[in-house]
Amino acid sequence: MSLMTLDEIHTCIDELFRAYNDHEIDGVLAHFTEDVLWEPDESFPLIGRTAAAALLRSQFRAFPDLRFPEEDVVIYTSPDGKAASKWHMIATMTGRLFPPGYAPTGRTADCTGMCAYEFRDGLICRHTVVYDVMNFSQKLGLLQAMPA
């Protein structure tokens, strides 16, 4: 197993965000190993492309305009074959989010987050996503803001 070059890592992640913005599930999954560990939330890690595809279908159904503006994505690469990205996401909830089964609110929300990536054989084998889920949910109207 050889390490990817920094340029190869950067290209992979850049293409991943492009596919995500185009809502091309197969294009997104093409950048992941078959047994990828996808951690969209520390409470429920997903294993494999099939589970990741189900998550993507749910996200794109609930948020048909979900996007990561290109100018707001910063990719960090490291010589040890790992990488991270900082991003800004914008989405309007016009469809049901399942799981957990939230009805659409019609609200638009945004958030900033980060992803960490580990690679194997030129593909992402671990994808960890970190963002303020509570704040994003409050902006969507799914949760009430906590009193100050």
N, C-alpha and C. Protein backbone atom coordinates (compact mmCIF):
# COMPACT_ATOMS: atom_id res chain seq x y z
N MET A 1 0.85 -1.18 0.00
CA MET A 1 0.00 0.00 0.00
C MET A 1 0.89 1.24 0.00
N SER A 2 0.81 2.03 -1.05
CA SER A 2 1.61 3.25 -1.13
C SER A 2 0.76 4.46 -0.79
N LEU A 3 1.42 5.45 -0.24
CA LEU A 3 0.72 6.68 0.11
C LEU A 3 0.39 7.47 -1.15
N MET A 4 -0.72 8.16 -1.11
CA MET A 4 -1.09 9.04 -2.21
C MET A 4 -0.24 10.31 -2.11
N THR A 5 -0.02 10.95 -3.24
CA THR A 5 0.66 12.25 -3.20
C THR A 5 -0.30 13.28 -2.64
N LEU A 6 0.24 14.40 -2.21
CA LEU A 6 -0.60 15.48 -1.70
C LEU A 6 -1.55 15.98 -2.78
N ASP A 7 -1.07 16.04 -4.02
CA ASP A 7 -1.93 16.47 -5.13
C ASP A 7 -3.06 15.48 -5.36
N GLU A 8 -2.78 14.19 -5.28
CA GLU A 8 -3.82 13.17 -5.47
C GLU A 8 -4.88 13.26 -4.38
N ILE A 9 -4.44 13.47 -3.15
CA ILE A 9 -5.39 13.63 -2.04
C ILE A 9 -6.26 14.86 -2.27
N HIS A 10 -5.64 15.97 -2.60
CA HIS A 10 -6.39 17.21 -2.83
C HIS A 10 -7.40 17.02 -3.96
N THR A 11 -6.99 16.39 -5.04
CA THR A 11 -7.89 16.16 -6.18
C THR A 11 -9.06 15.28 -5.78
N CYS A 12 -8.79 14.23 -5.02
CA CYS A 12 -9.85 13.32 -4.58
C CYS A 12 -10.92 14.06 -3.77
N ILE A 13 -10.49 14.87 -2.82
CA ILE A 13 -11.44 15.58 -1.97
C ILE A 13 -12.17 16.66 -2.76
N ASP A 14 -11.46 17.34 -3.63
CA ASP A 14 -12.09 18.35 -4.48
C ASP A 14 -13.19 17.71 -5.34
N GLU A 15 -12.89 16.57 -5.95
CA GLU A 15 -13.88 15.86 -6.77
C GLU A 15 -15.05 15.37 -5.91
N LEU A 16 -14.75 14.96 -4.69
CA LEU A 16 -15.80 14.51 -3.77
C LEU A 16 -16.80 15.64 -3.51
N PHE A 17 -16.32 16.84 -3.22
CA PHE A 17 -17.22 17.97 -2.98
C PHE A 17 -18.00 18.33 -4.24
N ARG A 18 -17.36 18.23 -5.40
CA ARG A 18 -18.07 18.52 -6.65
C ARG A 18 -19.23 17.55 -6.84
N ALA A 19 -18.97 16.26 -6.62
CA ALA A 19 -20.02 15.25 -6.75
C ALA A 19 -21.12 15.47 -5.72
N TYR A 20 -20.73 15.84 -4.50
CA TYR A 20 -21.72 16.13 -3.46
C TYR A 20 -22.60 17.30 -3.88
N ASN A 21 -22.01 18.36 -4.39
CA ASN A 21 -22.79 19.53 -4.82
C ASN A 21 -23.71 19.20 -5.99
N ASP A 22 -23.31 18.25 -6.83
CA ASP A 22 -24.14 17.83 -7.96
C ASP A 22 -25.13 16.74 -7.56
N HIS A 23 -25.09 16.32 -6.31
CA HIS A 23 -25.96 15.27 -5.78
C HIS A 23 -25.83 13.98 -6.57
N GLU A 24 -24.62 13.67 -6.99
CA GLU A 24 -24.31 12.45 -7.72
C GLU A 24 -23.83 11.39 -6.73
N ILE A 25 -24.76 10.57 -6.27
CA ILE A 25 -24.43 9.59 -5.24
C ILE A 25 -23.31 8.66 -5.70
N ASP A 26 -23.40 8.14 -6.94
CA ASP A 26 -22.34 7.26 -7.43
C ASP A 26 -21.01 7.99 -7.51
N GLY A 27 -21.05 9.27 -7.87
CA GLY A 27 -19.83 10.07 -7.93
C GLY A 27 -19.21 10.28 -6.57
N VAL A 28 -20.04 10.46 -5.55
CA VAL A 28 -19.53 10.59 -4.18
C VAL A 28 -18.91 9.26 -3.75
N LEU A 29 -19.67 8.18 -3.93
CA LEU A 29 -19.22 6.87 -3.45
C LEU A 29 -17.98 6.37 -4.17
N ALA A 30 -17.73 6.84 -5.37
CA ALA A 30 -16.56 6.41 -6.13
C ALA A 30 -15.26 6.77 -5.43
N HIS A 31 -15.31 7.67 -4.46
CA HIS A 31 -14.11 8.10 -3.75
C HIS A 31 -13.88 7.33 -2.45
N PHE A 32 -14.73 6.34 -2.18
CA PHE A 32 -14.65 5.61 -0.92
C PHE A 32 -14.41 4.12 -1.15
N THR A 33 -13.73 3.49 -0.20
CA THR A 33 -13.56 2.05 -0.24
C THR A 33 -14.92 1.39 -0.01
N GLU A 34 -15.03 0.14 -0.42
CA GLU A 34 -16.28 -0.61 -0.24
C GLU A 34 -16.64 -0.72 1.24
N ASP A 35 -15.64 -0.80 2.11
CA ASP A 35 -15.88 -0.97 3.54
C ASP A 35 -15.65 0.31 4.34
N VAL A 36 -15.85 1.45 3.71
CA VAL A 36 -15.58 2.74 4.35
C VAL A 36 -16.26 2.84 5.72
N LEU A 37 -15.56 3.43 6.66
CA LEU A 37 -16.15 3.80 7.95
C LEU A 37 -16.52 5.26 7.82
N TRP A 38 -17.81 5.54 7.75
CA TRP A 38 -18.33 6.91 7.54
C TRP A 38 -18.96 7.32 8.86
N GLU A 39 -18.42 8.36 9.45
CA GLU A 39 -18.91 8.82 10.75
C GLU A 39 -19.57 10.18 10.60
N PRO A 40 -20.86 10.18 10.22
CA PRO A 40 -21.57 11.45 10.05
C PRO A 40 -21.93 12.07 11.39
N ASP A 41 -21.86 11.28 12.42
CA ASP A 41 -22.22 11.69 13.77
C ASP A 41 -21.64 10.61 14.67
N GLU A 42 -21.01 11.00 15.74
CA GLU A 42 -20.35 9.99 16.58
C GLU A 42 -21.32 8.97 17.16
N SER A 43 -22.62 9.27 17.14
CA SER A 43 -23.58 8.35 17.74
C SER A 43 -23.98 7.21 16.81
N PHE A 44 -23.75 7.35 15.50
CA PHE A 44 -24.11 6.24 14.61
C PHE A 44 -23.18 6.15 13.40
N PRO A 45 -22.01 5.54 13.59
CA PRO A 45 -21.12 5.36 12.45
C PRO A 45 -21.72 4.39 11.44
N LEU A 46 -21.44 4.63 10.18
CA LEU A 46 -21.91 3.77 9.10
C LEU A 46 -20.73 3.00 8.54
N ILE A 47 -20.98 1.77 8.12
CA ILE A 47 -19.92 0.98 7.52
C ILE A 47 -20.36 0.55 6.13
N GLY A 48 -19.55 0.91 5.13
CA GLY A 48 -19.78 0.46 3.77
C GLY A 48 -20.50 1.47 2.89
N ARG A 49 -20.30 1.27 1.59
CA ARG A 49 -20.90 2.17 0.60
C ARG A 49 -22.43 2.10 0.61
N THR A 50 -23.00 0.91 0.87
CA THR A 50 -24.47 0.78 0.86
C THR A 50 -25.08 1.67 1.94
N ALA A 51 -24.51 1.65 3.13
CA ALA A 51 -25.01 2.49 4.22
C ALA A 51 -24.80 3.96 3.91
N ALA A 52 -23.66 4.30 3.32
CA ALA A 52 -23.38 5.68 2.95
C ALA A 52 -24.36 6.15 1.87
N ALA A 53 -24.68 5.28 0.92
CA ALA A 53 -25.64 5.64 -0.14
C ALA A 53 -27.01 5.95 0.45
N ALA A 54 -27.44 5.17 1.43
CA ALA A 54 -28.73 5.42 2.07
C ALA A 54 -28.73 6.77 2.76
N LEU A 55 -27.64 7.11 3.43
CA LEU A 55 -27.53 8.42 4.08
C LEU A 55 -27.59 9.54 3.05
N LEU A 56 -26.86 9.40 1.96
CA LEU A 56 -26.86 10.43 0.92
C LEU A 56 -28.25 10.60 0.31
N ARG A 57 -28.93 9.50 0.02
CA ARG A 57 -30.29 9.60 -0.53
C ARG A 57 -31.20 10.36 0.42
N SER A 58 -31.09 10.07 1.71
CA SER A 58 -31.90 10.76 2.71
C SER A 58 -31.58 12.25 2.76
N GLN A 59 -30.29 12.57 2.74
CA GLN A 59 -29.88 13.99 2.79
C GLN A 59 -30.37 14.74 1.56
N PHE A 60 -30.18 14.17 0.38
CA PHE A 60 -30.56 14.86 -0.85
C PHE A 60 -32.08 14.97 -1.00
N ARG A 61 -32.82 14.01 -0.44
CA ARG A 61 -34.29 14.08 -0.45
C ARG A 61 -34.77 15.19 0.49
N ALA A 62 -34.18 15.27 1.67
CA ALA A 62 -34.58 16.27 2.65
C ALA A 62 -34.09 17.67 2.27
N PHE A 63 -32.91 17.74 1.66
CA PHE A 63 -32.27 19.01 1.33
C PHE A 63 -31.90 19.05 -0.16
N PRO A 64 -32.87 19.23 -1.04
CA PRO A 64 -32.57 19.15 -2.48
C PRO A 64 -31.64 20.24 -2.99
N ASP A 65 -31.41 21.27 -2.20
CA ASP A 65 -30.47 22.32 -2.62
C ASP A 65 -29.19 22.31 -1.80
N LEU A 66 -28.95 21.24 -1.03
CA LEU A 66 -27.76 21.14 -0.20
C LEU A 66 -26.52 21.40 -1.03
N ARG A 67 -25.65 22.26 -0.52
CA ARG A 67 -24.44 22.59 -1.27
C ARG A 67 -23.34 23.10 -0.33
N PHE A 68 -22.13 22.93 -0.82
CA PHE A 68 -20.93 23.40 -0.17
C PHE A 68 -20.29 24.39 -1.13
N PRO A 69 -20.51 25.71 -0.95
CA PRO A 69 -19.91 26.67 -1.89
C PRO A 69 -18.41 26.43 -2.04
N GLU A 70 -17.98 26.33 -3.29
CA GLU A 70 -16.58 25.99 -3.59
C GLU A 70 -15.59 26.93 -2.90
N GLU A 71 -15.94 28.21 -2.84
CA GLU A 71 -15.02 29.17 -2.23
C GLU A 71 -14.93 29.01 -0.71
N ASP A 72 -15.82 28.20 -0.12
CA ASP A 72 -15.83 28.00 1.33
C ASP A 72 -15.27 26.64 1.74
N VAL A 73 -14.67 25.92 0.80
CA VAL A 73 -14.07 24.63 1.11
C VAL A 73 -12.55 24.79 1.09
N VAL A 74 -11.93 24.43 2.21
CA VAL A 74 -10.48 24.48 2.33
C VAL A 74 -10.00 23.06 2.62
N ILE A 75 -9.05 22.59 1.83
CA ILE A 75 -8.55 21.23 1.98
C ILE A 75 -7.13 21.28 2.55
N TYR A 76 -6.91 20.49 3.59
CA TYR A 76 -5.61 20.38 4.23
C TYR A 76 -5.09 18.97 4.01
N THR A 77 -3.86 18.86 3.50
CA THR A 77 -3.27 17.54 3.28
C THR A 77 -2.03 17.39 4.14
N SER A 78 -1.67 16.14 4.38
CA SER A 78 -0.51 15.88 5.22
C SER A 78 0.34 14.78 4.59
N PRO A 79 1.63 14.85 4.75
CA PRO A 79 2.51 13.85 4.14
C PRO A 79 2.27 12.42 4.63
N ASP A 80 1.55 12.25 5.74
CA ASP A 80 1.30 10.90 6.24
C ASP A 80 0.10 10.24 5.57
N GLY A 81 -0.45 10.88 4.53
CA GLY A 81 -1.55 10.27 3.79
C GLY A 81 -2.92 10.53 4.38
N LYS A 82 -3.03 11.48 5.27
CA LYS A 82 -4.31 11.86 5.85
C LYS A 82 -4.65 13.26 5.38
N ALA A 83 -5.90 13.64 5.56
CA ALA A 83 -6.33 14.98 5.13
C ALA A 83 -7.53 15.42 5.94
N ALA A 84 -7.84 16.70 5.80
CA ALA A 84 -9.01 17.29 6.44
C ALA A 84 -9.55 18.38 5.52
N SER A 85 -10.81 18.69 5.71
CA SER A 85 -11.39 19.81 4.98
C SER A 85 -12.24 20.62 5.94
N LYS A 86 -12.22 21.91 5.74
CA LYS A 86 -13.12 22.83 6.45
C LYS A 86 -14.09 23.31 5.42
N TRP A 87 -15.37 23.36 5.75
CA TRP A 87 -16.39 23.70 4.76
C TRP A 87 -17.52 24.50 5.37
N HIS A 88 -18.31 25.07 4.49
CA HIS A 88 -19.53 25.78 4.84
C HIS A 88 -20.63 25.13 4.03
N MET A 89 -21.72 24.74 4.68
CA MET A 89 -22.84 24.07 4.02
C MET A 89 -24.09 24.91 4.14
N ILE A 90 -24.89 24.92 3.07
CA ILE A 90 -26.17 25.62 3.05
C ILE A 90 -27.21 24.64 2.54
N ALA A 91 -28.38 24.59 3.20
CA ALA A 91 -29.41 23.65 2.79
C ALA A 91 -30.79 24.13 3.24
N THR A 92 -31.79 23.85 2.42
CA THR A 92 -33.19 24.14 2.75
C THR A 92 -33.91 22.82 2.93
N MET A 93 -34.60 22.66 4.06
CA MET A 93 -35.26 21.40 4.36
C MET A 93 -36.68 21.39 3.79
N THR A 94 -36.80 20.85 2.59
CA THR A 94 -38.12 20.79 1.94
C THR A 94 -38.64 19.36 1.84
N GLY A 95 -37.88 18.39 2.33
CA GLY A 95 -38.30 16.99 2.31
C GLY A 95 -38.12 16.38 3.69
N ARG A 96 -38.70 15.21 3.87
CA ARG A 96 -38.62 14.50 5.15
C ARG A 96 -37.21 13.97 5.35
N LEU A 97 -36.67 14.14 6.56
CA LEU A 97 -35.34 13.64 6.90
C LEU A 97 -35.52 12.33 7.66
N PHE A 98 -35.11 11.25 7.00
CA PHE A 98 -35.24 9.94 7.61
C PHE A 98 -33.95 9.18 7.44
N PRO A 99 -33.36 8.60 8.50
CA PRO A 99 -33.80 8.81 9.87
C PRO A 99 -33.45 10.21 10.35
N PRO A 100 -34.03 10.73 11.33
CA PRO A 100 -34.93 10.13 12.30
C PRO A 100 -36.41 10.27 11.97
N GLY A 101 -36.77 10.93 10.89
CA GLY A 101 -38.18 11.05 10.52
C GLY A 101 -38.76 12.44 10.67
N TYR A 102 -37.91 13.47 10.66
CA TYR A 102 -38.39 14.84 10.80
C TYR A 102 -39.14 15.28 9.56
N ALA A 103 -40.26 15.98 9.77
CA ALA A 103 -41.02 16.55 8.67
C ALA A 103 -40.29 17.79 8.15
N PRO A 104 -40.50 18.12 6.88
CA PRO A 104 -39.83 19.31 6.33
C PRO A 104 -40.28 20.58 7.04
N THR A 105 -39.35 21.50 7.23
CA THR A 105 -39.67 22.78 7.87
C THR A 105 -39.72 23.92 6.87
N GLY A 106 -39.14 23.72 5.69
CA GLY A 106 -39.07 24.78 4.69
C GLY A 106 -38.02 25.84 4.98
N ARG A 107 -37.29 25.68 6.07
CA ARG A 107 -36.28 26.66 6.44
C ARG A 107 -34.93 26.35 5.81
N THR A 108 -34.19 27.43 5.58
CA THR A 108 -32.82 27.32 5.09
C THR A 108 -31.88 27.53 6.26
N ALA A 109 -30.85 26.70 6.33
CA ALA A 109 -29.87 26.82 7.40
C ALA A 109 -28.48 26.63 6.82
N ASP A 110 -27.50 27.09 7.56
CA ASP A 110 -26.12 26.90 7.15
C ASP A 110 -25.31 26.52 8.37
N CYS A 111 -24.15 25.95 8.11
CA CYS A 111 -23.24 25.62 9.20
C CYS A 111 -21.84 25.47 8.62
N THR A 112 -20.88 25.55 9.50
CA THR A 112 -19.50 25.31 9.15
C THR A 112 -19.07 24.04 9.87
N GLY A 113 -18.28 23.25 9.19
CA GLY A 113 -17.82 22.00 9.79
C GLY A 113 -16.50 21.58 9.21
N MET A 114 -16.10 20.39 9.63
CA MET A 114 -14.84 19.82 9.15
C MET A 114 -15.02 18.34 8.91
N CYS A 115 -14.20 17.81 8.02
CA CYS A 115 -14.13 16.37 7.79
C CYS A 115 -12.68 15.94 7.91
N ALA A 116 -12.47 14.75 8.44
CA ALA A 116 -11.15 14.14 8.47
C ALA A 116 -11.21 12.90 7.58
N TYR A 117 -10.13 12.66 6.85
CA TYR A 117 -10.10 11.56 5.88
C TYR A 117 -8.86 10.72 6.09
N GLU A 118 -9.05 9.41 5.99
CA GLU A 118 -7.93 8.47 5.92
C GLU A 118 -8.09 7.70 4.63
N PHE A 119 -6.98 7.32 4.02
CA PHE A 119 -7.00 6.71 2.69
C PHE A 119 -6.38 5.32 2.70
N ARG A 120 -6.87 4.50 1.79
CA ARG A 120 -6.30 3.19 1.53
C ARG A 120 -6.44 2.90 0.04
N ASP A 121 -5.35 2.57 -0.58
CA ASP A 121 -5.35 2.23 -2.01
C ASP A 121 -6.01 3.29 -2.88
N GLY A 122 -5.75 4.57 -2.56
CA GLY A 122 -6.24 5.67 -3.39
C GLY A 122 -7.68 6.08 -3.12
N LEU A 123 -8.32 5.48 -2.12
CA LEU A 123 -9.71 5.81 -1.80
C LEU A 123 -9.83 6.15 -0.31
N ILE A 124 -10.88 6.86 0.03
CA ILE A 124 -11.13 7.22 1.43
C ILE A 124 -11.68 5.99 2.14
N CYS A 125 -11.01 5.58 3.22
CA CYS A 125 -11.47 4.42 3.99
C CYS A 125 -12.10 4.83 5.32
N ARG A 126 -11.87 6.08 5.73
CA ARG A 126 -12.50 6.60 6.94
C ARG A 126 -12.83 8.07 6.70
N HIS A 127 -14.08 8.41 6.99
CA HIS A 127 -14.60 9.76 6.74
C HIS A 127 -15.33 10.21 8.00
N THR A 128 -14.73 11.14 8.72
CA THR A 128 -15.31 11.62 9.97
C THR A 128 -15.80 13.05 9.77
N VAL A 129 -17.06 13.30 10.10
CA VAL A 129 -17.69 14.60 9.89
C VAL A 129 -17.94 15.24 11.26
N VAL A 130 -17.57 16.52 11.40
CA VAL A 130 -17.75 17.23 12.66
C VAL A 130 -18.40 18.58 12.37
N TYR A 131 -19.56 18.82 12.98
CA TYR A 131 -20.21 20.13 12.90
C TYR A 131 -21.18 20.24 14.06
N ASP A 132 -21.70 21.42 14.30
CA ASP A 132 -22.61 21.67 15.42
C ASP A 132 -24.03 21.26 15.00
N VAL A 133 -24.36 20.01 15.23
CA VAL A 133 -25.66 19.46 14.83
C VAL A 133 -26.80 20.20 15.53
N MET A 134 -26.62 20.53 16.80
CA MET A 134 -27.69 21.20 17.55
C MET A 134 -27.98 22.58 16.95
N ASN A 135 -26.95 23.35 16.66
CA ASN A 135 -27.15 24.68 16.09
C ASN A 135 -27.81 24.59 14.71
N PHE A 136 -27.35 23.65 13.88
CA PHE A 136 -27.94 23.45 12.55
C PHE A 136 -29.42 23.06 12.69
N SER A 137 -29.73 22.17 13.62
CA SER A 137 -31.11 21.73 13.85
C SER A 137 -31.98 22.88 14.35
N GLN A 138 -31.43 23.74 15.19
CA GLN A 138 -32.18 24.90 15.66
C GLN A 138 -32.49 25.84 14.51
N LYS A 139 -31.53 26.09 13.63
CA LYS A 139 -31.75 26.97 12.47
C LYS A 139 -32.83 26.40 11.55
N LEU A 140 -32.91 25.08 11.47
CA LEU A 140 -33.93 24.45 10.63
C LEU A 140 -35.31 24.44 11.30
N GLY A 141 -35.35 24.75 12.58
CA GLY A 141 -36.62 24.75 13.30
C GLY A 141 -36.97 23.37 13.86
N LEU A 142 -35.99 22.48 13.93
CA LEU A 142 -36.23 21.15 14.47
C LEU A 142 -36.10 21.11 15.97
N LEU A 143 -35.33 22.05 16.53
CA LEU A 143 -35.13 22.14 17.97
C LEU A 143 -35.33 23.58 18.39
N GLN A 144 -35.83 23.77 19.59
CA GLN A 144 -35.95 25.11 20.12
C GLN A 144 -34.60 25.53 20.69
N ALA A 145 -34.29 26.79 20.55
CA ALA A 145 -33.05 27.32 21.12
C ALA A 145 -33.14 27.26 22.64
N MET A 146 -32.03 26.97 23.27
CA MET A 146 -31.98 26.93 24.73
C MET A 146 -32.03 28.36 25.26
N PRO A 147 -32.76 28.58 26.35
CA PRO A 147 -32.79 29.92 26.92
C PRO A 147 -31.41 30.34 27.43
N ALA A 148 -31.13 31.63 27.32
CA ALA A 148 -29.81 32.14 27.76
C ALA A 148 -29.72 32.21 29.24
